[in-house]
Amino acid sequence: MNKKINLKELANSIVEQYLNTKIESINNHCLRLAVNTDKTYPWHRHNKTDELFIVLEGKLRIEFEKEHPVELLPNEAFCVTSGTIHRTTAIGRTVNLCFETDHEDTEFIEP
């Protein structure tokens, strides 16, 4: 990273209902910033990568095919292990970071 990035300023500049943007790549992994407003992402899994969520603002609900959902508030983190079928829902406006491998391997699942 050759420049300093203010995550709050970046998040505040996003006006779309949903935007997931790569901030930086490092050692075959990437950091993404997602801004969502009342959006549910489709059911999916990642077969070769874990996915670490860290909520900066709002509330993020992570639902699983066979487990109880997890709700994350600001400054809370949760890792979804590879192969786990899940989907996320933003409750109101939610800003979160996501760490995962640089090569996306998302497989969408029909409910």
Protein backbone atom coordinates (compact mmCIF):
# COMPACT_ATOMS: atom_id res chain seq x y z
CA MET A 1 0.00 0.00 0.00
CA ASN A 2 1.61 3.22 -1.13
CA LYS A 3 -0.93 5.58 0.31
CA LYS A 4 -2.85 6.00 3.52
CA ILE A 5 -6.56 5.19 3.27
CA ASN A 6 -9.13 6.52 5.71
CA LEU A 7 -11.75 3.77 5.86
CA LYS A 8 -14.44 6.02 7.36
CA GLU A 9 -14.00 8.65 4.63
CA LEU A 10 -14.06 5.97 1.95
CA ALA A 11 -17.23 4.40 3.39
CA ASN A 12 -18.93 7.80 3.70
CA SER A 13 -18.21 8.55 0.04
CA ILE A 14 -20.16 5.46 -1.11
CA VAL A 15 -23.79 6.28 -1.91
CA GLU A 16 -24.84 3.05 -3.66
CA GLN A 17 -27.16 0.61 -1.86
CA TYR A 18 -24.47 -2.06 -2.26
CA LEU A 19 -20.79 -1.77 -3.11
CA ASN A 20 -18.04 -4.24 -2.33
CA THR A 21 -14.64 -2.89 -3.32
CA LYS A 22 -11.12 -4.27 -3.04
CA ILE A 23 -8.91 -1.91 -1.02
CA GLU A 24 -5.60 -3.74 -1.20
CA SER A 25 -3.97 -7.07 -2.09
CA ILE A 26 -1.21 -8.61 -0.01
CA ASN A 27 0.36 -12.09 -0.03
CA ASN A 28 -2.35 -13.59 -2.26
CA HIS A 29 -5.10 -12.18 0.00
CA CYS A 30 -7.16 -9.04 -0.15
CA LEU A 31 -8.96 -6.58 2.05
CA ARG A 32 -12.41 -5.54 0.86
CA LEU A 33 -14.71 -2.81 2.11
CA ALA A 34 -18.42 -3.48 1.72
CA VAL A 35 -21.16 -0.90 2.19
CA ASN A 36 -24.71 -2.30 2.23
CA THR A 37 -28.10 -0.82 2.96
CA ASP A 38 -30.80 -3.37 3.78
CA LYS A 39 -29.46 -5.85 1.22
CA THR A 40 -29.31 -9.63 1.41
CA TYR A 41 -26.51 -11.27 -0.56
CA PRO A 42 -27.47 -14.60 -2.20
CA TRP A 43 -26.70 -17.99 -0.65
CA HIS A 44 -23.15 -19.03 -1.57
CA ARG A 45 -19.96 -20.70 -0.42
CA HIS A 46 -16.24 -20.33 -1.00
CA ASN A 47 -14.63 -23.71 -1.61
CA LYS A 48 -11.00 -22.68 -1.18
CA THR A 49 -10.99 -19.69 1.17
CA ASP A 50 -12.13 -18.66 4.61
CA GLU A 51 -13.87 -15.28 4.84
CA LEU A 52 -13.27 -12.99 7.82
CA PHE A 53 -15.85 -10.24 8.43
CA ILE A 54 -15.20 -7.21 10.66
CA VAL A 55 -18.08 -4.76 11.11
CA LEU A 56 -17.20 -1.08 11.32
CA GLU A 57 -20.71 0.40 11.27
CA GLY A 58 -24.27 -0.96 11.53
CA LYS A 59 -25.31 -4.60 11.95
CA LEU A 60 -24.45 -7.55 9.71
CA ARG A 61 -26.41 -10.81 9.96
CA ILE A 62 -24.70 -13.96 8.67
CA GLU A 63 -27.06 -16.87 8.07
CA PHE A 64 -26.00 -20.47 7.56
CA GLU A 65 -27.63 -23.42 5.88
CA LYS A 66 -27.49 -25.67 8.97
CA GLU A 67 -26.53 -23.43 11.92
CA HIS A 68 -27.95 -20.54 13.90
CA PRO A 69 -27.27 -17.08 12.41
CA VAL A 70 -24.65 -14.71 13.81
CA GLU A 71 -25.22 -10.97 14.14
CA LEU A 72 -22.20 -8.69 14.19
CA LEU A 73 -22.12 -5.16 15.60
CA PRO A 74 -19.34 -2.57 15.23
CA ASN A 75 -15.91 -3.87 16.28
CA GLU A 76 -17.03 -7.51 16.14
CA ALA A 77 -15.50 -10.13 13.84
CA PHE A 78 -16.48 -13.57 12.61
CA CYS A 79 -14.79 -16.07 10.28
CA VAL A 80 -16.83 -18.20 7.87
CA THR A 81 -14.76 -21.27 7.05
CA SER A 82 -14.37 -22.47 3.49
CA GLY A 83 -17.14 -24.69 2.17
CA THR A 84 -19.77 -23.24 4.54
CA ILE A 85 -23.00 -22.23 2.79
CA HIS A 86 -23.99 -18.78 4.02
CA ARG A 87 -25.49 -15.43 3.12
CA THR A 88 -25.21 -11.97 4.64
CA THR A 89 -27.86 -9.35 5.31
CA ALA A 90 -27.20 -5.73 6.16
CA ILE A 91 -29.59 -4.41 8.80
CA GLY A 92 -29.85 -0.75 7.82
CA ARG A 93 -26.63 0.81 6.53
CA THR A 94 -23.72 -1.49 7.30
CA VAL A 95 -20.01 -1.08 6.63
CA ASN A 96 -17.72 -4.07 6.98
CA LEU A 97 -14.27 -5.24 6.09
CA CYS A 98 -13.70 -8.66 4.60
CA PHE A 99 -10.42 -10.57 4.40
CA GLU A 100 -10.19 -13.42 1.89
CA THR A 101 -7.94 -14.83 -0.80
CA ASP A 102 -7.31 -12.61 -3.79
CA HIS A 103 -8.71 -15.23 -6.15
CA GLU A 104 -12.46 -15.25 -5.64
CA ASP A 105 -14.07 -18.68 -5.72
CA THR A 106 -17.69 -17.86 -4.95
CA GLU A 107 -20.19 -20.59 -5.82
CA PHE A 108 -23.81 -19.44 -5.68
CA ILE A 109 -26.28 -21.96 -4.26
CA GLU A 110 -29.96 -22.24 -5.17
CA PRO A 111 -32.11 -22.35 -2.01
